[in-house]
Amino acid sequence: MHKLAVDIGGTKIAAAVCDENDRIVEKHTVSTPADADVINGHIADLYKKTAEKFDDISAIGISAAGNVKADRRTVSFSANIPAWTDYPLSEKIEELIGNDKVSVIVENDANCAGWGEYVYGAAAGTKNMVMLTVGTGLGGAVVTDGHLFRGAFGMAAELGHLPMVPAGDICGCGLSGCAERYASGTALERFAHAALRRNPDSGKKLLDMCSGDINNLQGIMVTEAAKESDAAALEAFNMTGQWLGQTMAAISAVLDPEIFVVGGGVAAAGDLLLKPAREAYERYLQAASYRPHAKIAAASAGQDAGLIGAANLSVL
């Protein structure tokens, strides 16, 4: 039996037909509109297109950038798609495809990526995992005793919104001091800006990359400059990594995972981020001298982790 996995991102909708072992056998992409009805139409069209070739599709797993209710059918809120407020996404898709033998399951995108890493990536073979996705924000996924942890209302694992700094920076969620304000790609850029304002001479390579205007600075520039030993860029990574490690220590006090998997665009920098994260994790870990320390590893399932996770979750 085949499954259709759909990943609704901010700029594109990726879809993949997966076999019974969750191997991707065919992929498609279309741009993501902001209109919910158009998105539904795209997903239905992708299903009908693939069903012409694969007539045994039994389920559609949708990875959605938003909070998904415990029913795994309804999106309670999405920052990217305004109409997704208490939105019955599964029901809408089922109506359009007109096949009651095909189940439609919706899951949060970070959960899908985390589950992909748990089943097929860096956390394969473990029982208790936390994934942190360091991108524009800080996403999270939690697996406890081999099960994806969703909480009572489907709202668990919003780890980027752990309150880390009392009266800290205002977060996009409306609260202040959230972890993602200090451990994310946005934070990396902000720390680089601050380093350059304090001492422009410390970031000559970084300034060259943004043509002398720090308003043009982008995260990828910070990564490239850090690889060339630019002091301002290295400071930015050190700060971001320290906050990431401190966040991991706070999570360990509650969940005690055996592995943290770190993914997302910023994590592509490797030890530039992970080395200070490991150091801070050990420094802030409760009872650090008397307990095993979780492994901290880079994600390894690749860019298709979300699709693979959605396919696998669609039949659980």
C-alpha atoms as a PDB file:
ATOM      1  CA  MET A   1       0.000   0.000   0.000  1.00  0.00           C
ATOM      2  CA  HIS A   2       1.174   3.515  -0.795  1.00  0.00           C
ATOM      3  CA  LYS A   3       0.665   6.724   1.177  1.00  0.00           C
ATOM      4  CA  LEU A   4       0.679  10.332   0.099  1.00  0.00           C
ATOM      5  CA  ALA A   5       2.660  12.681   2.339  1.00  0.00           C
ATOM      6  CA  VAL A   6       2.118  16.430   2.033  1.00  0.00           C
ATOM      7  CA  ASP A   7       4.281  19.131   3.649  1.00  0.00           C
ATOM      8  CA  ILE A   8       2.666  22.577   3.630  1.00  0.00           C
ATOM      9  CA  GLY A   9       5.481  25.075   4.107  1.00  0.00           C
ATOM     10  CA  GLY A  10       5.636  28.846   3.982  1.00  0.00           C
ATOM     11  CA  THR A  11       6.681  28.995   0.318  1.00  0.00           C
ATOM     12  CA  LYS A  12       5.827  25.609  -1.193  1.00  0.00           C
ATOM     13  CA  ILE A  13       3.723  22.505  -0.846  1.00  0.00           C
ATOM     14  CA  ALA A  14       5.834  19.368  -1.209  1.00  0.00           C
ATOM     15  CA  ALA A  15       4.174  16.017  -1.753  1.00  0.00           C
ATOM     16  CA  ALA A  16       5.612  12.527  -1.909  1.00  0.00           C
ATOM     17  CA  VAL A  17       4.231   9.094  -2.650  1.00  0.00           C
ATOM     18  CA  CYS A  18       5.756   6.661  -0.146  1.00  0.00           C
ATOM     19  CA  ASP A  19       5.713   2.866  -0.216  1.00  0.00           C
ATOM     20  CA  GLU A  20       4.943   0.564   2.720  1.00  0.00           C
ATOM     21  CA  ASN A  21       8.475   1.120   4.055  1.00  0.00           C
ATOM     22  CA  ASP A  22       8.092   4.928   3.845  1.00  0.00           C
ATOM     23  CA  ARG A  23      10.531   5.155   0.957  1.00  0.00           C
ATOM     24  CA  ILE A  24       9.769   8.069  -1.359  1.00  0.00           C
ATOM     25  CA  VAL A  25       9.010   6.843  -4.863  1.00  0.00           C
ATOM     26  CA  GLU A  26       7.725  10.074  -6.422  1.00  0.00           C
ATOM     27  CA  LYS A  27       7.759  13.772  -5.479  1.00  0.00           C
ATOM     28  CA  HIS A  28       5.866  16.894  -6.535  1.00  0.00           C
ATOM     29  CA  THR A  29       5.982  20.555  -5.474  1.00  0.00           C
ATOM     30  CA  VAL A  30       3.757  23.587  -6.002  1.00  0.00           C
ATOM     31  CA  SER A  31       3.964  27.089  -4.539  1.00  0.00           C
ATOM     32  CA  THR A  32       2.019  27.763  -1.336  1.00  0.00           C
ATOM     33  CA  PRO A  33      -0.789  30.320  -1.645  1.00  0.00           C
ATOM     34  CA  ALA A  34      -2.115  32.136   1.402  1.00  0.00           C
ATOM     35  CA  ASP A  35      -5.695  31.111   0.620  1.00  0.00           C
ATOM     36  CA  ALA A  36      -6.851  27.997   2.477  1.00  0.00           C
ATOM     37  CA  ASP A  37      -9.307  26.920  -0.239  1.00  0.00           C
ATOM     38  CA  VAL A  38      -6.591  27.072  -2.896  1.00  0.00           C
ATOM     39  CA  ILE A  39      -4.286  24.995  -0.677  1.00  0.00           C
ATOM     40  CA  ASN A  40      -7.042  22.396  -0.290  1.00  0.00           C
ATOM     41  CA  GLY A  41      -7.502  22.328  -4.043  1.00  0.00           C
ATOM     42  CA  HIS A  42      -3.780  21.805  -4.597  1.00  0.00           C
ATOM     43  CA  ILE A  43      -3.708  18.873  -2.162  1.00  0.00           C
ATOM     44  CA  ALA A  44      -6.771  17.276  -3.768  1.00  0.00           C
ATOM     45  CA  ASP A  45      -5.243  17.710  -7.223  1.00  0.00           C
ATOM     46  CA  LEU A  46      -1.974  16.161  -6.028  1.00  0.00           C
ATOM     47  CA  TYR A  47      -3.910  13.191  -4.664  1.00  0.00           C
ATOM     48  CA  LYS A  48      -5.892  12.700  -7.887  1.00  0.00           C
ATOM     49  CA  LYS A  49      -2.747  13.025  -9.976  1.00  0.00           C
ATOM     50  CA  THR A  50      -0.837  10.439  -7.970  1.00  0.00           C
ATOM     51  CA  ALA A  51      -3.846   8.128  -7.605  1.00  0.00           C
ATOM     52  CA  GLU A  52      -3.912   7.722 -11.388  1.00  0.00           C
ATOM     53  CA  LYS A  53      -0.504   6.053 -11.122  1.00  0.00           C
ATOM     54  CA  PHE A  54      -0.781   4.525  -7.641  1.00  0.00           C
ATOM     55  CA  ASP A  55      -4.291   3.127  -7.203  1.00  0.00           C
ATOM     56  CA  ASP A  56      -3.625   1.730  -3.711  1.00  0.00           C
ATOM     57  CA  ILE A  57      -3.078   4.985  -1.770  1.00  0.00           C
ATOM     58  CA  SER A  58      -4.588   4.277   1.641  1.00  0.00           C
ATOM     59  CA  ALA A  59      -3.819   7.455   3.573  1.00  0.00           C
ATOM     60  CA  ILE A  60      -2.767  11.075   3.262  1.00  0.00           C
ATOM     61  CA  GLY A  61      -0.463  12.450   5.946  1.00  0.00           C
ATOM     62  CA  ILE A  62      -0.292  16.241   6.067  1.00  0.00           C
ATOM     63  CA  SER A  63       2.544  18.120   7.768  1.00  0.00           C
ATOM     64  CA  ALA A  64       1.145  21.554   8.627  1.00  0.00           C
ATOM     65  CA  ALA A  65       2.908  24.640   9.973  1.00  0.00           C
ATOM     66  CA  GLY A  66       0.546  25.307  12.858  1.00  0.00           C
ATOM     67  CA  ASN A  67      -0.961  23.972  16.063  1.00  0.00           C
ATOM     68  CA  VAL A  68      -2.935  20.797  15.448  1.00  0.00           C
ATOM     69  CA  LYS A  69      -5.649  19.615  17.834  1.00  0.00           C
ATOM     70  CA  ALA A  70      -5.586  16.217  19.527  1.00  0.00           C
ATOM     71  CA  ASP A  71      -7.965  14.801  16.893  1.00  0.00           C
ATOM     72  CA  ARG A  72      -5.128  15.120  14.328  1.00  0.00           C
ATOM     73  CA  ARG A  73      -7.674  16.553  11.897  1.00  0.00           C
ATOM     74  CA  THR A  74      -8.122  20.186  12.912  1.00  0.00           C
ATOM     75  CA  VAL A  75      -5.626  23.071  12.778  1.00  0.00           C
ATOM     76  CA  SER A  76      -6.288  25.310  15.766  1.00  0.00           C
ATOM     77  CA  PHE A  77      -3.954  28.120  14.673  1.00  0.00           C
ATOM     78  CA  SER A  78      -1.338  28.955  12.041  1.00  0.00           C
ATOM     79  CA  ALA A  79       0.755  32.100  11.810  1.00  0.00           C
ATOM     80  CA  ASN A  80       1.168  31.649   8.027  1.00  0.00           C
ATOM     81  CA  ILE A  81      -2.420  30.921   6.958  1.00  0.00           C
ATOM     82  CA  PRO A  82      -4.978  33.208   8.670  1.00  0.00           C
ATOM     83  CA  ALA A  83      -7.977  31.012   7.789  1.00  0.00           C
ATOM     84  CA  TRP A  84      -6.482  28.117   9.749  1.00  0.00           C
ATOM     85  CA  THR A  85      -8.224  28.926  13.028  1.00  0.00           C
ATOM     86  CA  ASP A  86     -10.153  25.915  14.337  1.00  0.00           C
ATOM     87  CA  TYR A  87      -9.963  24.773  10.723  1.00  0.00           C
ATOM     88  CA  PRO A  88     -11.184  21.232   9.837  1.00  0.00           C
ATOM     89  CA  LEU A  89      -8.429  20.539   7.325  1.00  0.00           C
ATOM     90  CA  SER A  90      -8.910  16.762   7.111  1.00  0.00           C
ATOM     91  CA  GLU A  91     -12.639  17.131   6.512  1.00  0.00           C
ATOM     92  CA  LYS A  92     -12.054  19.690   3.761  1.00  0.00           C
ATOM     93  CA  ILE A  93      -9.590  17.425   1.938  1.00  0.00           C
ATOM     94  CA  GLU A  94     -11.790  14.346   2.316  1.00  0.00           C
ATOM     95  CA  GLU A  95     -14.709  16.208   0.743  1.00  0.00           C
ATOM     96  CA  LEU A  96     -12.589  17.191  -2.245  1.00  0.00           C
ATOM     97  CA  ILE A  97     -11.002  13.796  -2.935  1.00  0.00           C
ATOM     98  CA  GLY A  98     -14.313  11.971  -2.588  1.00  0.00           C
ATOM     99  CA  ASN A  99     -12.842   8.664  -1.428  1.00  0.00           C
ATOM    100  CA  ASP A 100     -13.963   7.557   2.033  1.00  0.00           C
ATOM    101  CA  LYS A 101     -11.422   4.720   2.004  1.00  0.00           C
ATOM    102  CA  VAL A 102      -8.545   7.200   2.230  1.00  0.00           C
ATOM    103  CA  SER A 103      -7.902   8.579   5.714  1.00  0.00           C
ATOM    104  CA  VAL A 104      -6.487  12.113   6.049  1.00  0.00           C
ATOM    105  CA  ILE A 105      -4.311  12.775   9.090  1.00  0.00           C
ATOM    106  CA  VAL A 106      -2.872  16.191   9.989  1.00  0.00           C
ATOM    107  CA  GLU A 107       0.182  16.688  12.187  1.00  0.00           C
ATOM    108  CA  ASN A 108       2.315  19.654  13.210  1.00  0.00           C
ATOM    109  CA  ASP A 109       5.316  20.071  10.895  1.00  0.00           C
ATOM    110  CA  ALA A 110       7.903  19.941  13.687  1.00  0.00           C
ATOM    111  CA  ASN A 111       6.344  16.715  14.974  1.00  0.00           C
ATOM    112  CA  CYS A 112       6.523  15.210  11.491  1.00  0.00           C
ATOM    113  CA  ALA A 113      10.183  16.134  11.074  1.00  0.00           C
ATOM    114  CA  GLY A 114      10.977  14.883  14.575  1.00  0.00           C
ATOM    115  CA  TRP A 115       9.207  11.592  13.951  1.00  0.00           C
ATOM    116  CA  GLY A 116      11.105  11.174  10.678  1.00  0.00           C
ATOM    117  CA  GLU A 117      14.365  11.607  12.601  1.00  0.00           C
ATOM    118  CA  TYR A 118      13.169   9.208  15.295  1.00  0.00           C
ATOM    119  CA  VAL A 119      12.215   6.427  12.901  1.00  0.00           C
ATOM    120  CA  TYR A 120      14.854   6.822  10.180  1.00  0.00           C
ATOM    121  CA  GLY A 121      17.424   9.399  11.300  1.00  0.00           C
ATOM    122  CA  ALA A 122      19.790  10.317  14.108  1.00  0.00           C
ATOM    123  CA  ALA A 123      17.474   9.023  16.855  1.00  0.00           C
ATOM    124  CA  ALA A 124      16.742   5.623  15.283  1.00  0.00           C
ATOM    125  CA  GLY A 125      16.986   2.869  17.879  1.00  0.00           C
ATOM    126  CA  THR A 126      16.300   5.146  20.866  1.00  0.00           C
ATOM    127  CA  LYS A 127      13.173   5.307  23.026  1.00  0.00           C
ATOM    128  CA  ASN A 128      13.221   8.888  24.327  1.00  0.00           C
ATOM    129  CA  MET A 129      14.134  11.768  22.014  1.00  0.00           C
ATOM    130  CA  VAL A 130      13.797  15.510  21.748  1.00  0.00           C
ATOM    131  CA  MET A 131      14.258  17.238  18.419  1.00  0.00           C
ATOM    132  CA  LEU A 132      14.957  20.958  18.212  1.00  0.00           C
ATOM    133  CA  THR A 133      14.653  22.601  14.809  1.00  0.00           C
ATOM    134  CA  VAL A 134      16.768  25.746  14.712  1.00  0.00           C
ATOM    135  CA  GLY A 135      15.425  27.826  11.851  1.00  0.00           C
ATOM    136  CA  THR A 136      13.733  31.217  11.770  1.00  0.00           C
ATOM    137  CA  GLY A 137      12.259  30.145  15.105  1.00  0.00           C
ATOM    138  CA  LEU A 138      12.844  27.130  17.348  1.00  0.00           C
ATOM    139  CA  GLY A 139      10.622  24.131  16.715  1.00  0.00           C
ATOM    140  CA  GLY A 140      10.341  21.038  18.870  1.00  0.00           C
ATOM    141  CA  ALA A 141       9.227  17.414  18.861  1.00  0.00           C
ATOM    142  CA  VAL A 142       9.209  14.928  21.734  1.00  0.00           C
ATOM    143  CA  VAL A 143       9.152  11.130  21.700  1.00  0.00           C
ATOM    144  CA  THR A 144       8.680   9.349  25.041  1.00  0.00           C
ATOM    145  CA  ASP A 145       8.889   5.568  25.364  1.00  0.00           C
ATOM    146  CA  GLY A 146       8.588   5.225  21.586  1.00  0.00           C
ATOM    147  CA  HIS A 147       5.477   7.384  21.235  1.00  0.00           C
ATOM    148  CA  LEU A 148       5.112  10.873  19.811  1.00  0.00           C
ATOM    149  CA  PHE A 149       4.145  13.075  22.750  1.00  0.00           C
ATOM    150  CA  ARG A 150       1.297  15.412  21.818  1.00  0.00           C
ATOM    151  CA  GLY A 151      -0.154  16.286  25.217  1.00  0.00           C
ATOM    152  CA  ALA A 152      -3.793  16.423  26.272  1.00  0.00           C
ATOM    153  CA  PHE A 153      -4.829  18.972  23.637  1.00  0.00           C
ATOM    154  CA  GLY A 154      -2.255  18.393  20.875  1.00  0.00           C
ATOM    155  CA  MET A 155      -0.259  21.456  21.957  1.00  0.00           C
ATOM    156  CA  ALA A 156       2.817  19.782  23.467  1.00  0.00           C
ATOM    157  CA  ALA A 157       6.442  20.261  22.354  1.00  0.00           C
ATOM    158  CA  GLU A 158       6.248  23.996  21.636  1.00  0.00           C
ATOM    159  CA  LEU A 159       9.766  24.070  23.032  1.00  0.00           C
ATOM    160  CA  GLY A 160      10.687  27.317  21.333  1.00  0.00           C
ATOM    161  CA  HIS A 161       8.247  29.026  23.671  1.00  0.00           C
ATOM    162  CA  LEU A 162       9.739  27.887  26.934  1.00  0.00           C
ATOM    163  CA  PRO A 163      10.035  31.076  29.031  1.00  0.00           C
ATOM    164  CA  MET A 164      13.798  31.422  29.420  1.00  0.00           C
ATOM    165  CA  VAL A 165      14.275  35.111  30.269  1.00  0.00           C
ATOM    166  CA  PRO A 166      11.900  36.979  32.630  1.00  0.00           C
ATOM    167  CA  ALA A 167      10.767  40.191  30.942  1.00  0.00           C
ATOM    168  CA  GLY A 168      12.958  39.310  27.962  1.00  0.00           C
ATOM    169  CA  ASP A 169      12.579  40.100  24.264  1.00  0.00           C
ATOM    170  CA  ILE A 170       9.050  40.072  22.886  1.00  0.00           C
ATOM    171  CA  CYS A 171       8.338  36.926  20.895  1.00  0.00           C
ATOM    172  CA  GLY A 172       6.114  36.625  17.830  1.00  0.00           C
ATOM    173  CA  CYS A 173       3.738  34.532  19.933  1.00  0.00           C
ATOM    174  CA  GLY A 174       2.999  37.591  22.084  1.00  0.00           C
ATOM    175  CA  LEU A 175       4.917  36.451  25.164  1.00  0.00           C
ATOM    176  CA  SER A 176       8.374  37.630  26.210  1.00  0.00           C
ATOM    177  CA  GLY A 177      11.644  35.840  26.871  1.00  0.00           C
ATOM    178  CA  CYS A 178      10.830  32.721  24.812  1.00  0.00           C
ATOM    179  CA  ALA A 179      13.681  30.353  23.979  1.00  0.00           C
ATOM    180  CA  GLU A 180      13.422  31.004  20.249  1.00  0.00           C
ATOM    181  CA  ARG A 181      14.259  34.677  20.808  1.00  0.00           C
ATOM    182  CA  TYR A 182      17.737  33.507  21.850  1.00  0.00           C
ATOM    183  CA  ALA A 183      18.267  30.162  20.073  1.00  0.00           C
ATOM    184  CA  SER A 184      17.221  30.531  16.426  1.00  0.00           C
ATOM    185  CA  GLY A 185      18.313  31.907  13.088  1.00  0.00           C
ATOM    186  CA  THR A 186      16.672  35.204  13.975  1.00  0.00           C
ATOM    187  CA  ALA A 187      18.672  35.312  17.208  1.00  0.00           C
ATOM    188  CA  LEU A 188      21.888  34.484  15.340  1.00  0.00           C
ATOM    189  CA  GLU A 189      21.393  37.503  13.094  1.00  0.00           C
ATOM    190  CA  ARG A 190      20.526  39.723  16.057  1.00  0.00           C
ATOM    191  CA  PHE A 191      23.636  38.646  17.972  1.00  0.00           C
ATOM    192  CA  ALA A 192      25.768  39.318  14.882  1.00  0.00           C
ATOM    193  CA  HIS A 193      24.238  42.786  14.523  1.00  0.00           C
ATOM    194  CA  ALA A 194      25.036  43.548  18.160  1.00  0.00           C
ATOM    195  CA  ALA A 195      28.636  42.331  17.830  1.00  0.00           C
ATOM    196  CA  LEU A 196      29.197  44.526  14.777  1.00  0.00           C
ATOM    197  CA  ARG A 197      27.689  47.588  16.436  1.00  0.00           C
ATOM    198  CA  ARG A 198      29.932  47.133  19.496  1.00  0.00           C
ATOM    199  CA  ASN A 199      33.097  46.556  17.511  1.00  0.00           C
ATOM    200  CA  PRO A 200      32.969  46.787  13.694  1.00  0.00           C
ATOM    201  CA  ASP A 201      36.618  45.731  13.485  1.00  0.00           C
ATOM    202  CA  SER A 202      35.705  42.315  14.903  1.00  0.00           C
ATOM    203  CA  GLY A 203      33.551  41.501  11.877  1.00  0.00           C
ATOM    204  CA  LYS A 204      35.440  42.681   8.816  1.00  0.00           C
ATOM    205  CA  LYS A 205      34.642  39.544   6.803  1.00  0.00           C
ATOM    206  CA  LEU A 206      31.003  39.737   7.804  1.00  0.00           C
ATOM    207  CA  LEU A 207      30.814  43.431   6.891  1.00  0.00           C
ATOM    208  CA  ASP A 208      32.360  42.688   3.497  1.00  0.00           C
ATOM    209  CA  MET A 209      29.698  40.058   2.860  1.00  0.00           C
ATOM    210  CA  CYS A 210      26.871  42.518   3.563  1.00  0.00           C
ATOM    211  CA  SER A 211      28.578  45.319   1.611  1.00  0.00           C
ATOM    212  CA  GLY A 212      29.233  47.315   4.762  1.00  0.00           C
ATOM    213  CA  ASP A 213      25.531  47.646   5.639  1.00  0.00           C
ATOM    214  CA  ILE A 214      24.471  45.462   8.576  1.00  0.00           C
ATOM    215  CA  ASN A 215      20.857  45.893   7.484  1.00  0.00           C
ATOM    216  CA  ASN A 216      21.718  43.549   4.600  1.00  0.00           C
ATOM    217  CA  LEU A 217      23.044  40.887   6.956  1.00  0.00           C
ATOM    218  CA  GLN A 218      21.574  37.385   6.591  1.00  0.00           C
ATOM    219  CA  GLY A 219      22.058  34.207   8.571  1.00  0.00           C
ATOM    220  CA  ILE A 220      23.920  32.428   5.777  1.00  0.00           C
ATOM    221  CA  MET A 221      26.477  35.255   5.813  1.00  0.00           C
ATOM    222  CA  VAL A 222      27.058  34.713   9.530  1.00  0.00           C
ATOM    223  CA  THR A 223      27.672  31.020   8.892  1.00  0.00           C
ATOM    224  CA  GLU A 224      30.115  31.645   6.046  1.00  0.00           C
ATOM    225  CA  ALA A 225      31.963  34.340   7.998  1.00  0.00           C
ATOM    226  CA  ALA A 226      32.225  32.085  11.054  1.00  0.00           C
ATOM    227  CA  LYS A 227      33.772  29.365   8.896  1.00  0.00           C
ATOM    228  CA  GLU A 228      36.429  31.948   7.997  1.00  0.00           C
ATOM    229  CA  SER A 229      37.054  32.685  11.709  1.00  0.00           C
ATOM    230  CA  ASP A 230      35.340  36.074  11.705  1.00  0.00           C
ATOM    231  CA  ALA A 231      35.218  37.067  15.391  1.00  0.00           C
ATOM    232  CA  ALA A 232      31.782  38.748  15.288  1.00  0.00           C
ATOM    233  CA  ALA A 233      30.222  35.774  13.513  1.00  0.00           C
ATOM    234  CA  LEU A 234      31.826  33.337  15.956  1.00  0.00           C
ATOM    235  CA  GLU A 235      30.493  35.391  18.866  1.00  0.00           C
ATOM    236  CA  ALA A 236      26.997  35.190  17.382  1.00  0.00           C
ATOM    237  CA  PHE A 237      27.221  31.398  17.072  1.00  0.00           C
ATOM    238  CA  ASN A 238      28.633  31.108  20.566  1.00  0.00           C
ATOM    239  CA  MET A 239      25.721  33.081  22.017  1.00  0.00           C
ATOM    240  CA  THR A 240      23.103  31.155  20.015  1.00  0.00           C
ATOM    241  CA  GLY A 241      24.679  27.818  20.916  1.00  0.00           C
ATOM    242  CA  GLN A 242      24.865  28.687  24.598  1.00  0.00           C
ATOM    243  CA  TRP A 243      21.179  29.547  24.688  1.00  0.00           C
ATOM    244  CA  LEU A 244      20.366  26.353  22.813  1.00  0.00           C
ATOM    245  CA  GLY A 245      22.329  24.303  25.347  1.00  0.00           C
ATOM    246  CA  GLN A 246      20.688  26.070  28.269  1.00  0.00           C
ATOM    247  CA  THR A 247      17.287  25.317  26.731  1.00  0.00           C
ATOM    248  CA  MET A 248      18.273  21.654  26.417  1.00  0.00           C
ATOM    249  CA  ALA A 249      19.244  21.568  30.083  1.00  0.00           C
ATOM    250  CA  ALA A 250      15.843  22.966  31.052  1.00  0.00           C
ATOM    251  CA  ILE A 251      14.123  20.354  28.892  1.00  0.00           C
ATOM    252  CA  SER A 252      16.226  17.584  30.461  1.00  0.00           C
ATOM    253  CA  ALA A 253      15.015  18.578  33.912  1.00  0.00           C
ATOM    254  CA  VAL A 254      11.501  17.644  32.779  1.00  0.00           C
ATOM    255  CA  LEU A 255      11.849  14.957  30.099  1.00  0.00           C
ATOM    256  CA  ASP A 256      15.306  13.398  30.606  1.00  0.00           C
ATOM    257  CA  PRO A 257      15.763  12.320  26.954  1.00  0.00           C
ATOM    258  CA  GLU A 258      18.594  10.069  25.834  1.00  0.00           C
ATOM    259  CA  ILE A 259      19.250  12.161  22.722  1.00  0.00           C
ATOM    260  CA  PHE A 260      18.701  15.675  21.429  1.00  0.00           C
ATOM    261  CA  VAL A 261      18.538  15.858  17.651  1.00  0.00           C
ATOM    262  CA  VAL A 262      19.260  19.332  16.278  1.00  0.00           C
ATOM    263  CA  GLY A 263      17.965  20.176  12.816  1.00  0.00           C
ATOM    264  CA  GLY A 264      17.002  23.223  10.790  1.00  0.00           C
ATOM    265  CA  GLY A 265      18.970  25.600   8.619  1.00  0.00           C
ATOM    266  CA  VAL A 266      21.206  26.966  11.381  1.00  0.00           C
ATOM    267  CA  ALA A 267      22.195  23.435  12.439  1.00  0.00           C
ATOM    268  CA  ALA A 268      23.863  22.985   9.042  1.00  0.00           C
ATOM    269  CA  ALA A 269      26.747  24.942  10.583  1.00  0.00           C
ATOM    270  CA  GLY A 270      27.607  21.814  12.596  1.00  0.00           C
ATOM    271  CA  ASP A 271      29.982  22.280  15.512  1.00  0.00           C
ATOM    272  CA  LEU A 272      29.889  26.058  15.173  1.00  0.00           C
ATOM    273  CA  LEU A 273      26.489  25.692  16.844  1.00  0.00           C
ATOM    274  CA  LEU A 274      26.706  22.298  18.543  1.00  0.00           C
ATOM    275  CA  LYS A 275      30.012  22.775  20.386  1.00  0.00           C
ATOM    276  CA  PRO A 276      28.841  25.769  22.488  1.00  0.00           C
ATOM    277  CA  ALA A 277      25.439  24.060  22.874  1.00  0.00           C
ATOM    278  CA  ARG A 278      27.059  20.942  24.363  1.00  0.00           C
ATOM    279  CA  GLU A 279      29.209  23.051  26.686  1.00  0.00           C
ATOM    280  CA  ALA A 280      26.219  25.059  27.946  1.00  0.00           C
ATOM    281  CA  TYR A 281      24.093  21.924  28.312  1.00  0.00           C
ATOM    282  CA  GLU A 282      26.669  20.403  30.645  1.00  0.00           C
ATOM    283  CA  ARG A 283      27.054  23.663  32.555  1.00  0.00           C
ATOM    284  CA  TYR A 284      23.319  24.126  33.202  1.00  0.00           C
ATOM    285  CA  LEU A 285      22.256  20.480  33.523  1.00  0.00           C
ATOM    286  CA  GLN A 286      20.764  19.712  36.925  1.00  0.00           C
ATOM    287  CA  ALA A 287      22.876  17.162  38.896  1.00  0.00           C
ATOM    288  CA  ALA A 288      25.280  17.035  35.966  1.00  0.00           C
ATOM    289  CA  SER A 289      27.943  15.108  37.901  1.00  0.00           C
ATOM    290  CA  TYR A 290      25.533  12.358  38.958  1.00  0.00           C
ATOM    291  CA  ARG A 291      23.533  11.514  35.848  1.00  0.00           C
ATOM    292  CA  PRO A 292      24.079  10.305  32.280  1.00  0.00           C
ATOM    293  CA  HIS A 293      24.183  13.122  29.753  1.00  0.00           C
ATOM    294  CA  ALA A 294      22.005  13.055  26.670  1.00  0.00           C
ATOM    295  CA  LYS A 295      23.735  12.756  23.324  1.00  0.00           C
ATOM    296  CA  ILE A 296      23.467  15.902  21.191  1.00  0.00           C
ATOM    297  CA  ALA A 297      23.520  15.029  17.494  1.00  0.00           C
ATOM    298  CA  ALA A 298      22.841  16.734  14.189  1.00  0.00           C
ATOM    299  CA  ALA A 299      19.759  15.631  12.269  1.00  0.00           C
ATOM    300  CA  SER A 300      20.544  13.066   9.578  1.00  0.00           C
ATOM    301  CA  ALA A 301      17.285  12.188   7.809  1.00  0.00           C
ATOM    302  CA  GLY A 302      17.655  15.130   5.423  1.00  0.00           C
ATOM    303  CA  GLN A 303      15.177  17.616   3.989  1.00  0.00           C
ATOM    304  CA  ASP A 304      12.568  14.889   3.448  1.00  0.00           C
ATOM    305  CA  ALA A 305      12.287  14.051   7.174  1.00  0.00           C
ATOM    306  CA  GLY A 306       8.953  15.873   7.430  1.00  0.00           C
ATOM    307  CA  LEU A 307       7.472  14.023   4.471  1.00  0.00           C
ATOM    308  CA  ILE A 308       8.726  10.659   5.723  1.00  0.00           C
ATOM    309  CA  GLY A 309       7.397  11.399   9.203  1.00  0.00           C
ATOM    310  CA  ALA A 310       4.007  12.438   7.824  1.00  0.00           C
ATOM    311  CA  ALA A 311       3.782   9.237   5.783  1.00  0.00           C
ATOM    312  CA  ASN A 312       4.639   7.051   8.769  1.00  0.00           C
ATOM    313  CA  LEU A 313       2.323   8.903  11.151  1.00  0.00           C
ATOM    314  CA  SER A 314      -0.585   8.702   8.725  1.00  0.00           C
ATOM    315  CA  VAL A 315      -1.100   5.005   9.509  1.00  0.00           C
ATOM    316  CA  LEU A 316      -0.355   4.995  13.245  1.00  0.00           C
END
